[in-house]
Amino acid sequence: MGPYQAAFKTQDLIDKGVTHILNVSCKEYTKRQKYFKYQDVNIQDEVGENSSKFYRITNRFIDEGIRNGAVLVHSVQGKSRAPTFILAYLIFREKMKLKDGLGLLREYVNEVEPNESFMQQLANYDLN
């Protein structure tokens, strides 16, 4: 998980075993398709945006990436959108409670703070 600049560190990503990159930044950049498989999700970090409509696609992509190596999930700053989709994955695959997932992510990045809409959607997803 990180800011979009993390996607430019090709050698670091290769060294960490990253095979898949989930881009939720709404930023276009030159993709290193020789090394990584990409999934772009066009979602703004704004109250009112519906992140939950992408959970099935992103969960499947993250699953595939973990089976093949590792996954980088990045947004612009890595604080709201990227953690939102990682939390959705943890709720889905690991059956983790939202609160526990937030605690886990904050062990690595203190500034994890999905926006208000995303938190509500994740809370609803957690209940289902």
N, C-alpha and C. Protein backbone atom coordinates (compact mmCIF):
# COMPACT_ATOMS: atom_id res chain seq x y z
N MET A 1 0.85 -1.17 0.00
CA MET A 1 0.00 0.00 0.00
C MET A 1 0.90 1.23 0.00
N GLY A 2 0.50 2.22 -0.81
CA GLY A 2 1.29 3.43 -0.81
C GLY A 2 0.77 4.48 -1.76
N PRO A 3 1.55 5.57 -1.90
CA PRO A 3 1.20 6.62 -2.84
C PRO A 3 1.52 6.18 -4.27
N TYR A 4 1.03 6.94 -5.24
CA TYR A 4 1.21 6.49 -6.61
C TYR A 4 2.67 6.44 -7.04
N GLN A 5 3.55 7.20 -6.40
CA GLN A 5 4.98 7.15 -6.74
C GLN A 5 5.58 5.77 -6.48
N ALA A 6 4.96 5.00 -5.60
CA ALA A 6 5.46 3.66 -5.30
C ALA A 6 5.45 2.78 -6.54
N ALA A 7 4.54 3.06 -7.47
CA ALA A 7 4.45 2.25 -8.69
C ALA A 7 5.62 2.49 -9.63
N PHE A 8 6.39 3.55 -9.40
CA PHE A 8 7.53 3.87 -10.27
C PHE A 8 8.81 3.17 -9.84
N LYS A 9 8.80 2.56 -8.68
CA LYS A 9 10.02 1.94 -8.11
C LYS A 9 10.11 0.49 -8.55
N THR A 10 10.31 0.31 -9.85
CA THR A 10 10.24 -1.02 -10.47
C THR A 10 11.13 -2.04 -9.76
N GLN A 11 12.40 -1.71 -9.55
CA GLN A 11 13.32 -2.68 -8.96
C GLN A 11 12.92 -3.03 -7.53
N ASP A 12 12.51 -2.04 -6.76
CA ASP A 12 12.06 -2.31 -5.38
C ASP A 12 10.86 -3.25 -5.39
N LEU A 13 9.93 -3.01 -6.30
CA LEU A 13 8.73 -3.85 -6.38
C LEU A 13 9.09 -5.28 -6.78
N ILE A 14 9.98 -5.41 -7.76
CA ILE A 14 10.42 -6.74 -8.19
C ILE A 14 11.10 -7.45 -7.01
N ASP A 15 11.96 -6.73 -6.31
CA ASP A 15 12.66 -7.31 -5.16
C ASP A 15 11.69 -7.78 -4.07
N LYS A 16 10.55 -7.11 -3.96
CA LYS A 16 9.54 -7.48 -2.95
C LYS A 16 8.57 -8.53 -3.48
N GLY A 17 8.77 -8.98 -4.70
CA GLY A 17 7.92 -10.03 -5.25
C GLY A 17 6.60 -9.55 -5.81
N VAL A 18 6.46 -8.24 -6.01
CA VAL A 18 5.20 -7.70 -6.54
C VAL A 18 5.02 -8.14 -7.99
N THR A 19 3.84 -8.68 -8.27
CA THR A 19 3.50 -9.09 -9.64
C THR A 19 2.28 -8.33 -10.16
N HIS A 20 1.50 -7.75 -9.24
CA HIS A 20 0.25 -7.07 -9.58
C HIS A 20 0.21 -5.69 -8.93
N ILE A 21 -0.32 -4.72 -9.69
CA ILE A 21 -0.46 -3.36 -9.18
C ILE A 21 -1.91 -2.90 -9.38
N LEU A 22 -2.56 -2.59 -8.27
CA LEU A 22 -3.92 -2.06 -8.29
C LEU A 22 -3.82 -0.55 -8.14
N ASN A 23 -4.18 0.16 -9.21
CA ASN A 23 -4.09 1.61 -9.27
C ASN A 23 -5.47 2.22 -9.03
N VAL A 24 -5.66 2.83 -7.87
CA VAL A 24 -6.91 3.50 -7.56
C VAL A 24 -6.69 5.01 -7.43
N SER A 25 -5.65 5.51 -8.11
CA SER A 25 -5.26 6.92 -8.00
C SER A 25 -5.93 7.84 -9.01
N CYS A 26 -6.54 7.28 -10.06
CA CYS A 26 -7.08 8.07 -11.18
C CYS A 26 -5.96 8.79 -11.93
N LYS A 27 -4.73 8.34 -11.78
CA LYS A 27 -3.60 8.93 -12.49
C LYS A 27 -3.09 7.93 -13.51
N GLU A 28 -2.81 8.44 -14.70
CA GLU A 28 -2.21 7.62 -15.74
C GLU A 28 -0.70 7.76 -15.68
N TYR A 29 -0.01 6.68 -15.95
CA TYR A 29 1.45 6.71 -16.01
C TYR A 29 1.90 5.55 -16.88
N THR A 30 3.17 5.56 -17.25
CA THR A 30 3.71 4.48 -18.07
C THR A 30 3.77 3.21 -17.25
N LYS A 31 3.12 2.20 -17.75
CA LYS A 31 3.05 0.94 -17.03
C LYS A 31 4.17 0.01 -17.50
N ARG A 32 4.74 -0.68 -16.57
CA ARG A 32 5.82 -1.65 -16.83
C ARG A 32 5.19 -3.03 -16.98
N GLN A 33 4.47 -3.21 -18.09
CA GLN A 33 3.70 -4.44 -18.28
C GLN A 33 4.57 -5.67 -18.51
N LYS A 34 5.83 -5.45 -18.73
CA LYS A 34 6.76 -6.57 -18.83
C LYS A 34 6.93 -7.23 -17.46
N TYR A 35 6.75 -6.44 -16.40
CA TYR A 35 6.99 -6.93 -15.04
C TYR A 35 5.74 -7.12 -14.20
N PHE A 36 4.69 -6.32 -14.48
CA PHE A 36 3.53 -6.31 -13.60
C PHE A 36 2.23 -6.38 -14.39
N LYS A 37 1.22 -6.95 -13.75
CA LYS A 37 -0.15 -6.91 -14.28
C LYS A 37 -0.84 -5.77 -13.53
N TYR A 38 -1.60 -4.96 -14.27
CA TYR A 38 -2.25 -3.78 -13.69
C TYR A 38 -3.76 -3.89 -13.73
N GLN A 39 -4.39 -3.28 -12.73
CA GLN A 39 -5.84 -3.06 -12.72
C GLN A 39 -6.04 -1.61 -12.30
N ASP A 40 -6.71 -0.85 -13.14
CA ASP A 40 -7.03 0.54 -12.82
C ASP A 40 -8.48 0.63 -12.39
N VAL A 41 -8.74 1.33 -11.30
CA VAL A 41 -10.09 1.58 -10.83
C VAL A 41 -10.25 3.10 -10.76
N ASN A 42 -11.20 3.60 -11.53
CA ASN A 42 -11.40 5.03 -11.61
C ASN A 42 -12.40 5.47 -10.53
N ILE A 43 -11.87 5.90 -9.40
CA ILE A 43 -12.70 6.35 -8.29
C ILE A 43 -12.04 7.55 -7.63
N GLN A 44 -12.82 8.58 -7.41
CA GLN A 44 -12.31 9.78 -6.75
C GLN A 44 -12.37 9.61 -5.24
N ASP A 45 -11.51 10.30 -4.54
CA ASP A 45 -11.53 10.27 -3.07
C ASP A 45 -12.45 11.39 -2.58
N GLU A 46 -13.75 11.17 -2.79
CA GLU A 46 -14.74 12.19 -2.43
C GLU A 46 -15.91 11.53 -1.72
N VAL A 47 -16.48 12.26 -0.79
CA VAL A 47 -17.69 11.79 -0.12
C VAL A 47 -18.76 11.63 -1.19
N GLY A 48 -19.47 10.53 -1.16
CA GLY A 48 -20.50 10.25 -2.15
C GLY A 48 -20.07 9.24 -3.21
N GLU A 49 -18.76 9.01 -3.35
CA GLU A 49 -18.29 8.00 -4.31
C GLU A 49 -18.61 6.61 -3.77
N ASN A 50 -18.94 5.70 -4.68
CA ASN A 50 -19.30 4.34 -4.29
C ASN A 50 -18.13 3.39 -4.52
N SER A 51 -17.41 3.09 -3.46
CA SER A 51 -16.28 2.17 -3.57
C SER A 51 -16.75 0.72 -3.63
N SER A 52 -17.89 0.44 -3.01
CA SER A 52 -18.33 -0.95 -2.88
C SER A 52 -18.65 -1.59 -4.24
N LYS A 53 -18.97 -0.80 -5.24
CA LYS A 53 -19.27 -1.39 -6.55
C LYS A 53 -18.02 -2.00 -7.20
N PHE A 54 -16.85 -1.70 -6.66
CA PHE A 54 -15.60 -2.24 -7.21
C PHE A 54 -15.03 -3.40 -6.40
N TYR A 55 -15.60 -3.69 -5.23
CA TYR A 55 -15.00 -4.68 -4.33
C TYR A 55 -14.82 -6.04 -4.99
N ARG A 56 -15.80 -6.49 -5.76
CA ARG A 56 -15.68 -7.82 -6.38
C ARG A 56 -14.48 -7.86 -7.33
N ILE A 57 -14.33 -6.82 -8.14
CA ILE A 57 -13.22 -6.75 -9.11
C ILE A 57 -11.88 -6.66 -8.38
N THR A 58 -11.81 -5.76 -7.39
CA THR A 58 -10.52 -5.57 -6.71
C THR A 58 -10.16 -6.77 -5.84
N ASN A 59 -11.14 -7.38 -5.20
CA ASN A 59 -10.86 -8.58 -4.40
C ASN A 59 -10.31 -9.69 -5.28
N ARG A 60 -10.91 -9.88 -6.43
CA ARG A 60 -10.44 -10.91 -7.36
C ARG A 60 -9.01 -10.62 -7.83
N PHE A 61 -8.74 -9.36 -8.14
CA PHE A 61 -7.40 -8.97 -8.61
C PHE A 61 -6.36 -9.17 -7.50
N ILE A 62 -6.69 -8.75 -6.28
CA ILE A 62 -5.76 -8.94 -5.16
C ILE A 62 -5.53 -10.42 -4.90
N ASP A 63 -6.59 -11.22 -4.95
CA ASP A 63 -6.45 -12.67 -4.79
C ASP A 63 -5.47 -13.24 -5.82
N GLU A 64 -5.67 -12.87 -7.06
CA GLU A 64 -4.79 -13.37 -8.14
C GLU A 64 -3.36 -12.94 -7.89
N GLY A 65 -3.17 -11.69 -7.47
CA GLY A 65 -1.83 -11.19 -7.21
C GLY A 65 -1.14 -11.92 -6.08
N ILE A 66 -1.88 -12.21 -5.03
CA ILE A 66 -1.29 -12.94 -3.90
C ILE A 66 -0.92 -14.36 -4.31
N ARG A 67 -1.75 -14.98 -5.14
CA ARG A 67 -1.42 -16.34 -5.62
C ARG A 67 -0.14 -16.34 -6.47
N ASN A 68 0.15 -15.23 -7.13
CA ASN A 68 1.30 -15.15 -8.03
C ASN A 68 2.51 -14.45 -7.43
N GLY A 69 2.37 -13.87 -6.27
CA GLY A 69 3.47 -13.13 -5.65
C GLY A 69 2.96 -12.17 -4.61
N ALA A 70 2.98 -10.89 -4.96
CA ALA A 70 2.52 -9.84 -4.04
C ALA A 70 1.84 -8.74 -4.84
N VAL A 71 1.12 -7.88 -4.14
CA VAL A 71 0.32 -6.84 -4.78
C VAL A 71 0.67 -5.49 -4.17
N LEU A 72 0.81 -4.48 -5.03
CA LEU A 72 0.88 -3.09 -4.58
C LEU A 72 -0.48 -2.48 -4.85
N VAL A 73 -1.09 -1.90 -3.84
CA VAL A 73 -2.33 -1.14 -4.00
C VAL A 73 -1.95 0.31 -3.72
N HIS A 74 -2.17 1.18 -4.70
CA HIS A 74 -1.79 2.57 -4.49
C HIS A 74 -2.87 3.54 -4.92
N SER A 75 -2.92 4.65 -4.18
CA SER A 75 -3.78 5.77 -4.52
C SER A 75 -2.85 6.99 -4.61
N VAL A 76 -3.38 8.19 -4.57
CA VAL A 76 -2.52 9.36 -4.71
C VAL A 76 -1.57 9.47 -3.51
N GLN A 77 -2.13 9.47 -2.31
CA GLN A 77 -1.30 9.57 -1.11
C GLN A 77 -1.21 8.27 -0.33
N GLY A 78 -2.03 7.29 -0.69
CA GLY A 78 -2.01 6.01 0.01
C GLY A 78 -2.70 6.04 1.36
N LYS A 79 -3.62 7.00 1.58
CA LYS A 79 -4.24 7.16 2.89
C LYS A 79 -5.73 6.83 2.91
N SER A 80 -6.42 6.94 1.79
CA SER A 80 -7.87 6.75 1.79
C SER A 80 -8.29 5.64 0.83
N ARG A 81 -8.08 5.85 -0.46
CA ARG A 81 -8.55 4.85 -1.43
C ARG A 81 -7.80 3.53 -1.35
N ALA A 82 -6.47 3.56 -1.30
CA ALA A 82 -5.71 2.30 -1.24
C ALA A 82 -6.11 1.47 -0.02
N PRO A 83 -6.14 2.06 1.19
CA PRO A 83 -6.55 1.26 2.33
C PRO A 83 -8.00 0.78 2.24
N THR A 84 -8.87 1.56 1.61
CA THR A 84 -10.26 1.14 1.46
C THR A 84 -10.33 -0.21 0.78
N PHE A 85 -9.59 -0.38 -0.32
CA PHE A 85 -9.68 -1.63 -1.07
C PHE A 85 -8.93 -2.77 -0.39
N ILE A 86 -7.90 -2.45 0.36
CA ILE A 86 -7.22 -3.48 1.15
C ILE A 86 -8.14 -3.94 2.29
N LEU A 87 -8.82 -3.00 2.92
CA LEU A 87 -9.76 -3.36 4.00
C LEU A 87 -10.90 -4.21 3.46
N ALA A 88 -11.42 -3.85 2.28
CA ALA A 88 -12.49 -4.66 1.68
C ALA A 88 -11.99 -6.08 1.44
N TYR A 89 -10.75 -6.21 1.00
CA TYR A 89 -10.19 -7.55 0.78
C TYR A 89 -10.06 -8.32 2.10
N LEU A 90 -9.57 -7.65 3.14
CA LEU A 90 -9.41 -8.32 4.44
C LEU A 90 -10.75 -8.77 5.00
N ILE A 91 -11.78 -7.94 4.82
CA ILE A 91 -13.12 -8.31 5.27
C ILE A 91 -13.62 -9.52 4.48
N PHE A 92 -13.40 -9.49 3.17
CA PHE A 92 -13.89 -10.56 2.29
C PHE A 92 -13.11 -11.87 2.49
N ARG A 93 -11.82 -11.81 2.35
CA ARG A 93 -11.02 -13.04 2.30
C ARG A 93 -10.64 -13.55 3.69
N GLU A 94 -10.27 -12.64 4.57
CA GLU A 94 -9.78 -13.05 5.89
C GLU A 94 -10.87 -13.02 6.96
N LYS A 95 -12.08 -12.58 6.56
CA LYS A 95 -13.20 -12.46 7.50
C LYS A 95 -12.83 -11.58 8.70
N MET A 96 -12.00 -10.58 8.43
CA MET A 96 -11.52 -9.68 9.46
C MET A 96 -12.56 -8.57 9.69
N LYS A 97 -12.74 -8.17 10.92
CA LYS A 97 -13.62 -7.05 11.24
C LYS A 97 -12.95 -5.76 10.79
N LEU A 98 -13.76 -4.80 10.37
CA LEU A 98 -13.25 -3.52 9.89
C LEU A 98 -12.31 -2.87 10.91
N LYS A 99 -12.73 -2.85 12.16
CA LYS A 99 -11.92 -2.24 13.23
C LYS A 99 -10.54 -2.90 13.32
N ASP A 100 -10.52 -4.24 13.23
CA ASP A 100 -9.26 -4.97 13.32
C ASP A 100 -8.38 -4.71 12.10
N GLY A 101 -9.01 -4.63 10.94
CA GLY A 101 -8.27 -4.34 9.71
C GLY A 101 -7.64 -2.95 9.76
N LEU A 102 -8.39 -1.97 10.25
CA LEU A 102 -7.84 -0.62 10.40
C LEU A 102 -6.64 -0.63 11.34
N GLY A 103 -6.77 -1.34 12.44
CA GLY A 103 -5.66 -1.43 13.39
C GLY A 103 -4.43 -2.06 12.75
N LEU A 104 -4.65 -3.10 11.98
CA LEU A 104 -3.53 -3.77 11.30
C LEU A 104 -2.84 -2.83 10.32
N LEU A 105 -3.61 -2.16 9.47
CA LEU A 105 -3.00 -1.25 8.49
C LEU A 105 -2.28 -0.10 9.17
N ARG A 106 -2.84 0.40 10.27
CA ARG A 106 -2.22 1.52 10.98
C ARG A 106 -0.92 1.13 11.67
N GLU A 107 -0.68 -0.16 11.85
CA GLU A 107 0.62 -0.61 12.36
C GLU A 107 1.72 -0.30 11.35
N TYR A 108 1.36 -0.25 10.08
CA TYR A 108 2.32 -0.01 9.00
C TYR A 108 2.31 1.43 8.52
N VAL A 109 1.12 2.04 8.47
CA VAL A 109 0.97 3.42 8.00
C VAL A 109 -0.01 4.12 8.95
N ASN A 110 0.51 5.04 9.75
CA ASN A 110 -0.33 5.73 10.75
C ASN A 110 -1.47 6.51 10.13
N GLU A 111 -1.26 7.07 8.95
CA GLU A 111 -2.22 8.00 8.35
C GLU A 111 -3.36 7.33 7.60
N VAL A 112 -3.60 6.05 7.80
CA VAL A 112 -4.70 5.37 7.12
C VAL A 112 -6.01 6.02 7.56
N GLU A 113 -6.72 6.61 6.61
CA GLU A 113 -7.96 7.31 6.93
C GLU A 113 -8.89 7.34 5.74
N PRO A 114 -9.60 6.22 5.47
CA PRO A 114 -10.59 6.25 4.39
C PRO A 114 -11.62 7.36 4.65
N ASN A 115 -12.11 7.97 3.58
CA ASN A 115 -13.07 9.05 3.77
C ASN A 115 -14.37 8.52 4.36
N GLU A 116 -15.22 9.44 4.77
CA GLU A 116 -16.46 9.10 5.47
C GLU A 116 -17.35 8.12 4.70
N SER A 117 -17.51 8.37 3.40
CA SER A 117 -18.34 7.48 2.57
C SER A 117 -17.74 6.08 2.49
N PHE A 118 -16.44 6.02 2.27
CA PHE A 118 -15.78 4.72 2.16
C PHE A 118 -15.90 3.95 3.47
N MET A 119 -15.75 4.64 4.60
CA MET A 119 -15.87 3.97 5.90
C MET A 119 -17.27 3.40 6.09
N GLN A 120 -18.29 4.14 5.69
CA GLN A 120 -19.67 3.66 5.82
C GLN A 120 -19.89 2.44 4.92
N GLN A 121 -19.36 2.49 3.70
CA GLN A 121 -19.51 1.37 2.78
C GLN A 121 -18.77 0.13 3.30
N LEU A 122 -17.58 0.35 3.87
CA LEU A 122 -16.83 -0.77 4.46
C LEU A 122 -17.58 -1.35 5.67
N ALA A 123 -18.17 -0.48 6.48
CA ALA A 123 -18.93 -0.95 7.65
C ALA A 123 -20.12 -1.81 7.19
N ASN A 124 -20.79 -1.38 6.14
CA ASN A 124 -21.91 -2.17 5.60
C ASN A 124 -21.41 -3.50 5.05
N TYR A 125 -20.27 -3.47 4.36
CA TYR A 125 -19.67 -4.68 3.78
C TYR A 125 -19.29 -5.65 4.90
N ASP A 126 -18.79 -5.10 6.00
CA ASP A 126 -18.39 -5.90 7.15
C ASP A 126 -19.61 -6.61 7.76
N LEU A 127 -20.74 -5.95 7.75
CA LEU A 127 -21.96 -6.54 8.32
C LEU A 127 -22.53 -7.66 7.46
N ASN A 128 -22.29 -7.60 6.16
CA ASN A 128 -22.87 -8.60 5.24
C ASN A 128 -22.19 -9.92 5.32
